[in-house]
Every structure is written in structure tokens, then in C-alpha cells.
Amino acid sequence: MYVCSCFGVTEKQVQQHADAGACTPRQIASACKAGTDCGSCVRRIQAILGRGSCPRRDLLDQGEPALADLTEAGAEADALSEAA
């Protein structure tokens, strides 16, 4: 069944991108353009993404550092290397 009729993206394709690690409608849009034209499919994409697990979300639930924490750590490392 088509999820995005503007770009001919099927539910199966959205699920494949989700299985490959896309966790948000924006990541799906980057992968296959679904949701970038009229936007009427975004709610269906959200529903499909809500059905499965997200590898990134699962890592966060297991105590992996959040992206903001990694960004702060990188900024601190950059500041230390500039000072040296």
C-alpha cells in the first residue's frame, strides 16, 4: 500500500528504512523523500515508525549517552586541543 503518493513510496519501503535505522519522519524523508511534498503522509509515517523499535532510541534506553552529551564532550575536547 502506498504511504506517499507524491513519490510512490510504499509502507514496505518506509518500514525498510525504519529497520535500517531511520527513527523520525525527517530521517524517512531524507532516505526516500516521503513526506516532503504535500505532507499528507507524515501521520502515516509516524504511525509506521511507532510500531517498531528504533535502534537509536533503544541505545538511549540502555544508558548510552545522548547526542547532546556527545556534542558537549566533543566541544570540550576541541577546546582542550586548541589550548595545547
PDB file of N, CA and C in Angstrom:
ATOM      1  N   MET A   1       0.840  -1.175   0.000  1.00  0.00           N
ATOM      2  CA  MET A   1       0.000   0.000   0.000  1.00  0.00           C
ATOM      3  C   MET A   1       0.885   1.239   0.000  1.00  0.00           C
ATOM      4  N   TYR A   2       0.497   2.240  -0.788  1.00  0.00           N
ATOM      5  CA  TYR A   2       1.259   3.480  -0.843  1.00  0.00           C
ATOM      6  C   TYR A   2       1.040   4.316   0.406  1.00  0.00           C
ATOM      7  N   VAL A   3       2.132   4.818   0.941  1.00  0.00           N
ATOM      8  CA  VAL A   3       2.075   5.746   2.057  1.00  0.00           C
ATOM      9  C   VAL A   3       2.158   7.160   1.494  1.00  0.00           C
ATOM     10  N   CYS A   4       3.086   7.359   0.579  1.00  0.00           N
ATOM     11  CA  CYS A   4       3.299   8.666  -0.048  1.00  0.00           C
ATOM     12  C   CYS A   4       3.002   8.556  -1.533  1.00  0.00           C
ATOM     13  N   SER A   5       1.869   9.088  -1.949  1.00  0.00           N
ATOM     14  CA  SER A   5       1.512   9.003  -3.354  1.00  0.00           C
ATOM     15  C   SER A   5       2.274  10.025  -4.194  1.00  0.00           C
ATOM     16  N   CYS A   6       2.790  11.079  -3.581  1.00  0.00           N
ATOM     17  CA  CYS A   6       3.561  12.072  -4.334  1.00  0.00           C
ATOM     18  C   CYS A   6       4.836  11.460  -4.923  1.00  0.00           C
ATOM     19  N   PHE A   7       5.477  10.596  -4.152  1.00  0.00           N
ATOM     20  CA  PHE A   7       6.738   9.996  -4.592  1.00  0.00           C
ATOM     21  C   PHE A   7       6.658   8.480  -4.756  1.00  0.00           C
ATOM     22  N   GLY A   8       5.459   7.899  -4.630  1.00  0.00           N
ATOM     23  CA  GLY A   8       5.276   6.472  -4.846  1.00  0.00           C
ATOM     24  C   GLY A   8       6.000   5.603  -3.831  1.00  0.00           C
ATOM     25  N   VAL A   9       6.012   6.039  -2.569  1.00  0.00           N
ATOM     26  CA  VAL A   9       6.696   5.292  -1.508  1.00  0.00           C
ATOM     27  C   VAL A   9       5.674   4.413  -0.795  1.00  0.00           C
ATOM     28  N   THR A  10       6.025   3.140  -0.665  1.00  0.00           N
ATOM     29  CA  THR A  10       5.113   2.184  -0.037  1.00  0.00           C
ATOM     30  C   THR A  10       5.399   2.044   1.452  1.00  0.00           C
ATOM     31  N   GLU A  11       4.431   1.442   2.137  1.00  0.00           N
ATOM     32  CA  GLU A  11       4.590   1.151   3.557  1.00  0.00           C
ATOM     33  C   GLU A  11       5.808   0.247   3.776  1.00  0.00           C
ATOM     34  N   LYS A  12       5.996  -0.702   2.880  1.00  0.00           N
ATOM     35  CA  LYS A  12       7.126  -1.627   2.981  1.00  0.00           C
ATOM     36  C   LYS A  12       8.453  -0.868   2.883  1.00  0.00           C
ATOM     37  N   GLN A  13       8.529   0.113   1.985  1.00  0.00           N
ATOM     38  CA  GLN A  13       9.759   0.895   1.848  1.00  0.00           C
ATOM     39  C   GLN A  13      10.032   1.719   3.111  1.00  0.00           C
ATOM     40  N   VAL A  14       8.996   2.323   3.656  1.00  0.00           N
ATOM     41  CA  VAL A  14       9.161   3.089   4.897  1.00  0.00           C
ATOM     42  C   VAL A  14       9.648   2.164   6.004  1.00  0.00           C
ATOM     43  N   GLN A  15       9.072   0.982   6.094  1.00  0.00           N
ATOM     44  CA  GLN A  15       9.477   0.015   7.113  1.00  0.00           C
ATOM     45  C   GLN A  15      10.933  -0.412   6.916  1.00  0.00           C
ATOM     46  N   GLN A  16      11.351  -0.591   5.668  1.00  0.00           N
ATOM     47  CA  GLN A  16      12.744  -0.957   5.397  1.00  0.00           C
ATOM     48  C   GLN A  16      13.703   0.136   5.859  1.00  0.00           C
ATOM     49  N   HIS A  17      13.355   1.385   5.605  1.00  0.00           N
ATOM     50  CA  HIS A  17      14.194   2.495   6.071  1.00  0.00           C
ATOM     51  C   HIS A  17      14.212   2.554   7.597  1.00  0.00           C
ATOM     52  N   ALA A  18      13.063   2.285   8.208  1.00  0.00           N
ATOM     53  CA  ALA A  18      12.994   2.263   9.674  1.00  0.00           C
ATOM     54  C   ALA A  18      13.864   1.134  10.226  1.00  0.00           C
ATOM     55  N   ASP A  19      13.812  -0.019   9.592  1.00  0.00           N
ATOM     56  CA  ASP A  19      14.636  -1.148  10.018  1.00  0.00           C
ATOM     57  C   ASP A  19      16.123  -0.846   9.862  1.00  0.00           C
ATOM     58  N   ALA A  20      16.446   0.012   8.890  1.00  0.00           N
ATOM     59  CA  ALA A  20      17.837   0.393   8.649  1.00  0.00           C
ATOM     60  C   ALA A  20      18.309   1.496   9.597  1.00  0.00           C
ATOM     61  N   GLY A  21      17.396   2.016  10.435  1.00  0.00           N
ATOM     62  CA  GLY A  21      17.810   2.985  11.441  1.00  0.00           C
ATOM     63  C   GLY A  21      17.113   4.327  11.417  1.00  0.00           C
ATOM     64  N   ALA A  22      16.255   4.578  10.446  1.00  0.00           N
ATOM     65  CA  ALA A  22      15.510   5.835  10.421  1.00  0.00           C
ATOM     66  C   ALA A  22      14.454   5.806  11.520  1.00  0.00           C
ATOM     67  N   CYS A  23      14.479   6.791  12.403  1.00  0.00           N
ATOM     68  CA  CYS A  23      13.583   6.794  13.563  1.00  0.00           C
ATOM     69  C   CYS A  23      12.568   7.927  13.553  1.00  0.00           C
ATOM     70  N   THR A  24      12.717   8.860  12.637  1.00  0.00           N
ATOM     71  CA  THR A  24      11.824  10.012  12.598  1.00  0.00           C
ATOM     72  C   THR A  24      11.320  10.231  11.177  1.00  0.00           C
ATOM     73  N   PRO A  25      10.199  10.934  11.038  1.00  0.00           N
ATOM     74  CA  PRO A  25       9.728  11.261   9.688  1.00  0.00           C
ATOM     75  C   PRO A  25      10.770  12.032   8.878  1.00  0.00           C
ATOM     76  N   ARG A  26      11.538  12.863   9.524  1.00  0.00           N
ATOM     77  CA  ARG A  26      12.577  13.617   8.820  1.00  0.00           C
ATOM     78  C   ARG A  26      13.651  12.683   8.257  1.00  0.00           C
ATOM     79  N   GLN A  27      14.016  11.660   9.015  1.00  0.00           N
ATOM     80  CA  GLN A  27      15.003  10.693   8.522  1.00  0.00           C
ATOM     81  C   GLN A  27      14.433   9.864   7.377  1.00  0.00           C
ATOM     82  N   ILE A  28      13.150   9.546   7.447  1.00  0.00           N
ATOM     83  CA  ILE A  28      12.494   8.854   6.340  1.00  0.00           C
ATOM     84  C   ILE A  28      12.503   9.751   5.111  1.00  0.00           C
ATOM     85  N   ALA A  29      12.204  11.029   5.288  1.00  0.00           N
ATOM     86  CA  ALA A  29      12.204  11.981   4.175  1.00  0.00           C
ATOM     87  C   ALA A  29      13.582  12.076   3.535  1.00  0.00           C
ATOM     88  N   SER A  30      14.617  12.056   4.342  1.00  0.00           N
ATOM     89  CA  SER A  30      15.973  12.101   3.796  1.00  0.00           C
ATOM     90  C   SER A  30      16.298  10.850   2.999  1.00  0.00           C
ATOM     91  N   ALA A  31      15.739   9.736   3.419  1.00  0.00           N
ATOM     92  CA  ALA A  31      16.021   8.460   2.762  1.00  0.00           C
ATOM     93  C   ALA A  31      15.254   8.279   1.453  1.00  0.00           C
ATOM     94  N   CYS A  32      14.002   8.772   1.396  1.00  0.00           N
ATOM     95  CA  CYS A  32      13.187   8.452   0.207  1.00  0.00           C
ATOM     96  C   CYS A  32      12.251   9.573  -0.233  1.00  0.00           C
ATOM     97  N   LYS A  33      12.346  10.752   0.355  1.00  0.00           N
ATOM     98  CA  LYS A  33      11.533  11.933   0.020  1.00  0.00           C
ATOM     99  C   LYS A  33      10.089  11.871   0.523  1.00  0.00           C
ATOM    100  N   ALA A  34       9.660  10.755   1.084  1.00  0.00           N
ATOM    101  CA  ALA A  34       8.277  10.665   1.565  1.00  0.00           C
ATOM    102  C   ALA A  34       8.030  11.739   2.620  1.00  0.00           C
ATOM    103  N   GLY A  35       6.941  12.465   2.459  1.00  0.00           N
ATOM    104  CA  GLY A  35       6.574  13.498   3.406  1.00  0.00           C
ATOM    105  C   GLY A  35       7.121  14.876   3.087  1.00  0.00           C
ATOM    106  N   THR A  36       7.839  15.012   1.972  1.00  0.00           N
ATOM    107  CA  THR A  36       8.459  16.301   1.667  1.00  0.00           C
ATOM    108  C   THR A  36       7.676  17.151   0.676  1.00  0.00           C
ATOM    109  N   ASP A  37       6.598  16.617   0.096  1.00  0.00           N
ATOM    110  CA  ASP A  37       5.844  17.411  -0.871  1.00  0.00           C
ATOM    111  C   ASP A  37       4.580  17.967  -0.219  1.00  0.00           C
ATOM    112  N   CYS A  38       3.499  17.250  -0.266  1.00  0.00           N
ATOM    113  CA  CYS A  38       2.246  17.783   0.281  1.00  0.00           C
ATOM    114  C   CYS A  38       2.126  17.576   1.790  1.00  0.00           C
ATOM    115  N   GLY A  39       2.837  16.576   2.325  1.00  0.00           N
ATOM    116  CA  GLY A  39       2.830  16.338   3.770  1.00  0.00           C
ATOM    117  C   GLY A  39       1.682  15.504   4.293  1.00  0.00           C
ATOM    118  N   SER A  40       0.783  15.073   3.426  1.00  0.00           N
ATOM    119  CA  SER A  40      -0.375  14.326   3.909  1.00  0.00           C
ATOM    120  C   SER A  40      -0.017  12.942   4.442  1.00  0.00           C
ATOM    121  N   CYS A  41       1.169  12.453   4.141  1.00  0.00           N
ATOM    122  CA  CYS A  41       1.557  11.111   4.578  1.00  0.00           C
ATOM    123  C   CYS A  41       2.344  11.103   5.888  1.00  0.00           C
ATOM    124  N   VAL A  42       2.656  12.248   6.420  1.00  0.00           N
ATOM    125  CA  VAL A  42       3.524  12.310   7.603  1.00  0.00           C
ATOM    126  C   VAL A  42       2.909  11.567   8.786  1.00  0.00           C
ATOM    127  N   ARG A  43       1.616  11.686   8.985  1.00  0.00           N
ATOM    128  CA  ARG A  43       0.974  10.974  10.105  1.00  0.00           C
ATOM    129  C   ARG A  43       1.047   9.458   9.924  1.00  0.00           C
ATOM    130  N   ARG A  44       0.912   9.001   8.690  1.00  0.00           N
ATOM    131  CA  ARG A  44       1.034   7.552   8.445  1.00  0.00           C
ATOM    132  C   ARG A  44       2.471   7.093   8.678  1.00  0.00           C
ATOM    133  N   ILE A  45       3.430   7.911   8.278  1.00  0.00           N
ATOM    134  CA  ILE A  45       4.839   7.585   8.517  1.00  0.00           C
ATOM    135  C   ILE A  45       5.099   7.508  10.017  1.00  0.00           C
ATOM    136  N   GLN A  46       4.569   8.467  10.774  1.00  0.00           N
ATOM    137  CA  GLN A  46       4.720   8.449  12.234  1.00  0.00           C
ATOM    138  C   GLN A  46       4.113   7.180  12.819  1.00  0.00           C
ATOM    139  N   ALA A  47       2.982   6.768  12.299  1.00  0.00           N
ATOM    140  CA  ALA A  47       2.329   5.546  12.802  1.00  0.00           C
ATOM    141  C   ALA A  47       3.185   4.322  12.510  1.00  0.00           C
ATOM    142  N   ILE A  48       3.767   4.266  11.332  1.00  0.00           N
ATOM    143  CA  ILE A  48       4.624   3.130  10.987  1.00  0.00           C
ATOM    144  C   ILE A  48       5.851   3.117  11.892  1.00  0.00           C
ATOM    145  N   LEU A  49       6.447   4.262  12.111  1.00  0.00           N
ATOM    146  CA  LEU A  49       7.625   4.344  12.974  1.00  0.00           C
ATOM    147  C   LEU A  49       7.287   3.993  14.415  1.00  0.00           C
ATOM    148  N   GLY A  50       6.073   4.278  14.819  1.00  0.00           N
ATOM    149  CA  GLY A  50       5.657   3.989  16.183  1.00  0.00           C
ATOM    150  C   GLY A  50       5.433   2.508  16.448  1.00  0.00           C
ATOM    151  N   ARG A  51       5.306   1.720  15.400  1.00  0.00           N
ATOM    152  CA  ARG A  51       5.045   0.282  15.549  1.00  0.00           C
ATOM    153  C   ARG A  51       6.276  -0.495  15.981  1.00  0.00           C
ATOM    154  N   GLY A  52       7.445  -0.073  15.529  1.00  0.00           N
ATOM    155  CA  GLY A  52       8.659  -0.846  15.798  1.00  0.00           C
ATOM    156  C   GLY A  52       9.562  -0.151  16.779  1.00  0.00           C
ATOM    157  N   SER A  53      10.696  -0.756  16.980  1.00  0.00           N
ATOM    158  CA  SER A  53      11.670  -0.136  17.868  1.00  0.00           C
ATOM    159  C   SER A  53      12.661   0.641  17.030  1.00  0.00           C
ATOM    160  N   CYS A  54      13.256   1.603  17.641  1.00  0.00           N
ATOM    161  CA  CYS A  54      14.261   2.432  16.994  1.00  0.00           C
ATOM    162  C   CYS A  54      15.609   2.070  17.602  1.00  0.00           C
ATOM    163  N   PRO A  55      16.565   1.613  16.797  1.00  0.00           N
ATOM    164  CA  PRO A  55      17.868   1.241  17.368  1.00  0.00           C
ATOM    165  C   PRO A  55      18.506   2.364  18.174  1.00  0.00           C
ATOM    166  N   ARG A  56      18.383   3.589  17.707  1.00  0.00           N
ATOM    167  CA  ARG A  56      18.970   4.723  18.441  1.00  0.00           C
ATOM    168  C   ARG A  56      18.255   4.937  19.764  1.00  0.00           C
ATOM    169  N   ARG A  57      16.927   4.859  19.737  1.00  0.00           N
ATOM    170  CA  ARG A  57      16.141   5.039  20.959  1.00  0.00           C
ATOM    171  C   ARG A  57      16.446   3.911  21.943  1.00  0.00           C
ATOM    172  N   ASP A  58      16.593   2.690  21.417  1.00  0.00           N
ATOM    173  CA  ASP A  58      16.917   1.551  22.277  1.00  0.00           C
ATOM    174  C   ASP A  58      18.265   1.748  22.953  1.00  0.00           C
ATOM    175  N   LEU A  59      19.255   2.300  22.232  1.00  0.00           N
ATOM    176  CA  LEU A  59      20.563   2.568  22.836  1.00  0.00           C
ATOM    177  C   LEU A  59      20.447   3.590  23.953  1.00  0.00           C
ATOM    178  N   LEU A  60      19.638   4.613  23.738  1.00  0.00           N
ATOM    179  CA  LEU A  60      19.453   5.628  24.770  1.00  0.00           C
ATOM    180  C   LEU A  60      18.782   5.032  26.002  1.00  0.00           C
ATOM    181  N   ASP A  61      17.822   4.145  25.768  1.00  0.00           N
ATOM    182  CA  ASP A  61      17.142   3.498  26.887  1.00  0.00           C
ATOM    183  C   ASP A  61      18.085   2.609  27.684  1.00  0.00           C
ATOM    184  N   GLN A  62      19.150   2.124  27.036  1.00  0.00           N
ATOM    185  CA  GLN A  62      20.110   1.257  27.709  1.00  0.00           C
ATOM    186  C   GLN A  62      21.227   2.049  28.381  1.00  0.00           C
ATOM    187  N   GLY A  63      21.130   3.362  28.363  1.00  0.00           N
ATOM    188  CA  GLY A  63      22.113   4.173  29.064  1.00  0.00           C
ATOM    189  C   GLY A  63      23.207   4.744  28.203  1.00  0.00           C
ATOM    190  N   GLU A  64      23.096   4.647  26.879  1.00  0.00           N
ATOM    191  CA  GLU A  64      24.082   5.265  26.007  1.00  0.00           C
ATOM    192  C   GLU A  64      23.944   6.779  26.145  1.00  0.00           C
ATOM    193  N   PRO A  65      25.039   7.517  25.980  1.00  0.00           N
ATOM    194  CA  PRO A  65      24.962   8.973  26.127  1.00  0.00           C
ATOM    195  C   PRO A  65      24.096   9.600  25.044  1.00  0.00           C
ATOM    196  N   ALA A  66      23.394  10.628  25.415  1.00  0.00           N
ATOM    197  CA  ALA A  66      22.548  11.344  24.475  1.00  0.00           C
ATOM    198  C   ALA A  66      23.422  12.130  23.510  1.00  0.00           C
ATOM    199  N   LEU A  67      22.872  12.478  22.357  1.00  0.00           N
ATOM    200  CA  LEU A  67      23.611  13.224  21.349  1.00  0.00           C
ATOM    201  C   LEU A  67      24.101  14.549  21.923  1.00  0.00           C
ATOM    202  N   ALA A  68      23.294  15.216  22.729  1.00  0.00           N
ATOM    203  CA  ALA A  68      23.713  16.482  23.324  1.00  0.00           C
ATOM    204  C   ALA A  68      24.942  16.278  24.205  1.00  0.00           C
ATOM    205  N   ASP A  69      24.988  15.175  24.950  1.00  0.00           N
ATOM    206  CA  ASP A  69      26.144  14.882  25.785  1.00  0.00           C
ATOM    207  C   ASP A  69      27.385  14.661  24.939  1.00  0.00           C
ATOM    208  N   LEU A  70      27.222  13.955  23.821  1.00  0.00           N
ATOM    209  CA  LEU A  70      28.356  13.703  22.934  1.00  0.00           C
ATOM    210  C   LEU A  70      28.837  15.002  22.304  1.00  0.00           C
ATOM    211  N   THR A  71      27.918  15.894  21.948  1.00  0.00           N
ATOM    212  CA  THR A  71      28.285  17.172  21.355  1.00  0.00           C
ATOM    213  C   THR A  71      29.060  18.017  22.352  1.00  0.00           C
ATOM    214  N   GLU A  72      28.602  18.047  23.603  1.00  0.00           N
ATOM    215  CA  GLU A  72      29.305  18.798  24.636  1.00  0.00           C
ATOM    216  C   GLU A  72      30.700  18.226  24.865  1.00  0.00           C
ATOM    217  N   ALA A  73      30.817  16.915  24.883  1.00  0.00           N
ATOM    218  CA  ALA A  73      32.112  16.274  25.088  1.00  0.00           C
ATOM    219  C   ALA A  73      33.051  16.610  23.932  1.00  0.00           C
ATOM    220  N   GLY A  74      32.540  16.638  22.721  1.00  0.00           N
ATOM    221  CA  GLY A  74      33.348  16.992  21.557  1.00  0.00           C
ATOM    222  C   GLY A  74      33.811  18.435  21.614  1.00  0.00           C
ATOM    223  N   ALA A  75      32.946  19.325  22.068  1.00  0.00           N
ATOM    224  CA  ALA A  75      33.314  20.734  22.187  1.00  0.00           C
ATOM    225  C   ALA A  75      34.400  20.918  23.235  1.00  0.00           C
ATOM    226  N   GLU A  76      34.294  20.190  24.335  1.00  0.00           N
ATOM    227  CA  GLU A  76      35.321  20.270  25.369  1.00  0.00           C
ATOM    228  C   GLU A  76      36.655  19.754  24.850  1.00  0.00           C
ATOM    229  N   ALA A  77      36.621  18.671  24.091  1.00  0.00           N
ATOM    230  CA  ALA A  77      37.854  18.124  23.517  1.00  0.00           C
ATOM    231  C   ALA A  77      38.467  19.095  22.527  1.00  0.00           C
ATOM    232  N   ASP A  78      37.653  19.766  21.738  1.00  0.00           N
ATOM    233  CA  ASP A  78      38.159  20.766  20.786  1.00  0.00           C
ATOM    234  C   ASP A  78      38.817  21.925  21.527  1.00  0.00           C
ATOM    235  N   ALA A  79      38.190  22.373  22.613  1.00  0.00           N
ATOM    236  CA  ALA A  79      38.738  23.475  23.392  1.00  0.00           C
ATOM    237  C   ALA A  79      40.083  23.080  24.006  1.00  0.00           C
ATOM    238  N   LEU A  80      40.201  21.864  24.485  1.00  0.00           N
ATOM    239  CA  LEU A  80      41.459  21.398  25.082  1.00  0.00           C
ATOM    240  C   LEU A  80      42.551  21.288  24.024  1.00  0.00           C
ATOM    241  N   SER A  81      42.215  20.822  22.831  1.00  0.00           N
ATOM    242  CA  SER A  81      43.234  20.678  21.787  1.00  0.00           C
ATOM    243  C   SER A  81      43.689  22.041  21.264  1.00  0.00           C
ATOM    244  N   GLU A  82      42.780  23.037  21.252  1.00  0.00           N
ATOM    245  CA  GLU A  82      43.163  24.381  20.847  1.00  0.00           C
ATOM    246  C   GLU A  82      44.065  25.048  21.875  1.00  0.00           C
ATOM    247  N   ALA A  83      43.850  24.722  23.149  1.00  0.00           N
ATOM    248  CA  ALA A  83      44.649  25.309  24.220  1.00  0.00           C
ATOM    249  C   ALA A  83      46.060  24.741  24.242  1.00  0.00           C
ATOM    250  N   ALA A  84      46.232  23.550  23.732  1.00  0.00           N
ATOM    251  CA  ALA A  84      47.550  22.878  23.781  1.00  0.00           C
ATOM    252  C   ALA A  84      48.506  23.372  22.735  1.00  0.00           C
TER     253      ALA A  84
END
